[in-house]
């Protein structure tokens, strides 16, 4: 499942949420510290985890 990085604009806390793409499109994310809905998505890196060794 993808991870999404957010930052709260009220308390300035940075946090990561793991959710499916469908949930990301529907769900409104809230800050885990202050419960504010004023959050903005941050640019994050992409990591692919595979079971095959090269």
C-alpha atoms as a PDB file:
ATOM      1  CA  UNK A   1       0.000   0.000   0.000  1.00  0.00           C
ATOM      2  CA  UNK A   2       1.233   3.509  -0.752  1.00  0.00           C
ATOM      3  CA  UNK A   3       2.389   5.920   1.935  1.00  0.00           C
ATOM      4  CA  UNK A   4       1.514   9.610   1.849  1.00  0.00           C
ATOM      5  CA  UNK A   5       3.439  12.354   3.658  1.00  0.00           C
ATOM      6  CA  UNK A   6       1.536  15.320   5.077  1.00  0.00           C
ATOM      7  CA  UNK A   7       2.238  18.452   7.083  1.00  0.00           C
ATOM      8  CA  UNK A   8      -0.263  20.189   9.333  1.00  0.00           C
ATOM      9  CA  UNK A   9      -0.526  23.913   8.686  1.00  0.00           C
ATOM     10  CA  UNK A  10      -1.789  24.605  12.231  1.00  0.00           C
ATOM     11  CA  UNK A  11       0.822  22.854  14.408  1.00  0.00           C
ATOM     12  CA  UNK A  12       3.481  22.270  11.704  1.00  0.00           C
ATOM     13  CA  UNK A  13       3.705  18.522  12.465  1.00  0.00           C
ATOM     14  CA  UNK A  14       4.905  16.216   9.676  1.00  0.00           C
ATOM     15  CA  UNK A  15       3.346  12.745   9.509  1.00  0.00           C
ATOM     16  CA  UNK A  16       2.925   9.753   7.210  1.00  0.00           C
ATOM     17  CA  UNK A  17      -0.313   7.909   6.422  1.00  0.00           C
ATOM     18  CA  UNK A  18      -0.549   4.446   4.837  1.00  0.00           C
ATOM     19  CA  UNK A  19      -3.717   3.993   2.767  1.00  0.00           C
ATOM     20  CA  UNK A  20      -4.888   2.686  -0.572  1.00  0.00           C
ATOM     21  CA  UNK A  21      -5.239   4.968  -3.586  1.00  0.00           C
ATOM     22  CA  UNK A  22      -9.044   4.702  -3.375  1.00  0.00           C
ATOM     23  CA  UNK A  23      -8.992   5.779   0.288  1.00  0.00           C
ATOM     24  CA  UNK A  24      -6.667   8.670  -0.565  1.00  0.00           C
ATOM     25  CA  UNK A  25      -9.148   9.952  -3.145  1.00  0.00           C
ATOM     26  CA  UNK A  26     -12.131   9.750  -0.750  1.00  0.00           C
ATOM     27  CA  UNK A  27     -10.752  10.388   2.733  1.00  0.00           C
ATOM     28  CA  UNK A  28     -10.023  13.741   4.343  1.00  0.00           C
ATOM     29  CA  UNK A  29      -6.802  13.438   6.361  1.00  0.00           C
ATOM     30  CA  UNK A  30      -6.557  14.951   9.840  1.00  0.00           C
ATOM     31  CA  UNK A  31      -3.493  15.742  11.916  1.00  0.00           C
ATOM     32  CA  UNK A  32      -2.825  13.050  14.562  1.00  0.00           C
ATOM     33  CA  UNK A  33      -1.534  15.667  17.042  1.00  0.00           C
ATOM     34  CA  UNK A  34      -4.057  18.528  16.947  1.00  0.00           C
ATOM     35  CA  UNK A  35      -6.862  16.886  14.889  1.00  0.00           C
ATOM     36  CA  UNK A  36      -6.882  19.779  12.418  1.00  0.00           C
ATOM     37  CA  UNK A  37      -8.075  19.171   8.865  1.00  0.00           C
ATOM     38  CA  UNK A  38      -5.738  21.890   7.547  1.00  0.00           C
ATOM     39  CA  UNK A  39      -3.077  19.556   6.167  1.00  0.00           C
ATOM     40  CA  UNK A  40      -1.135  19.684   2.949  1.00  0.00           C
ATOM     41  CA  UNK A  41       0.407  16.760   1.136  1.00  0.00           C
ATOM     42  CA  UNK A  42       4.190  16.794   0.898  1.00  0.00           C
ATOM     43  CA  UNK A  43       6.305  15.418  -1.917  1.00  0.00           C
ATOM     44  CA  UNK A  44       7.740  12.061  -0.902  1.00  0.00           C
ATOM     45  CA  UNK A  45      10.075   9.490  -2.374  1.00  0.00           C
ATOM     46  CA  UNK A  46       8.924   6.314  -4.069  1.00  0.00           C
ATOM     47  CA  UNK A  47      10.230   2.980  -2.816  1.00  0.00           C
ATOM     48  CA  UNK A  48       9.505  -0.274  -4.652  1.00  0.00           C
ATOM     49  CA  UNK A  49       9.878  -3.445  -2.638  1.00  0.00           C
ATOM     50  CA  UNK A  50      10.248  -6.619  -4.679  1.00  0.00           C
ATOM     51  CA  UNK A  51      10.694 -10.237  -3.680  1.00  0.00           C
ATOM     52  CA  UNK A  52      13.214 -10.995  -6.417  1.00  0.00           C
ATOM     53  CA  UNK A  53      16.893 -10.521  -5.772  1.00  0.00           C
ATOM     54  CA  UNK A  54      18.976  -9.203  -8.640  1.00  0.00           C
END
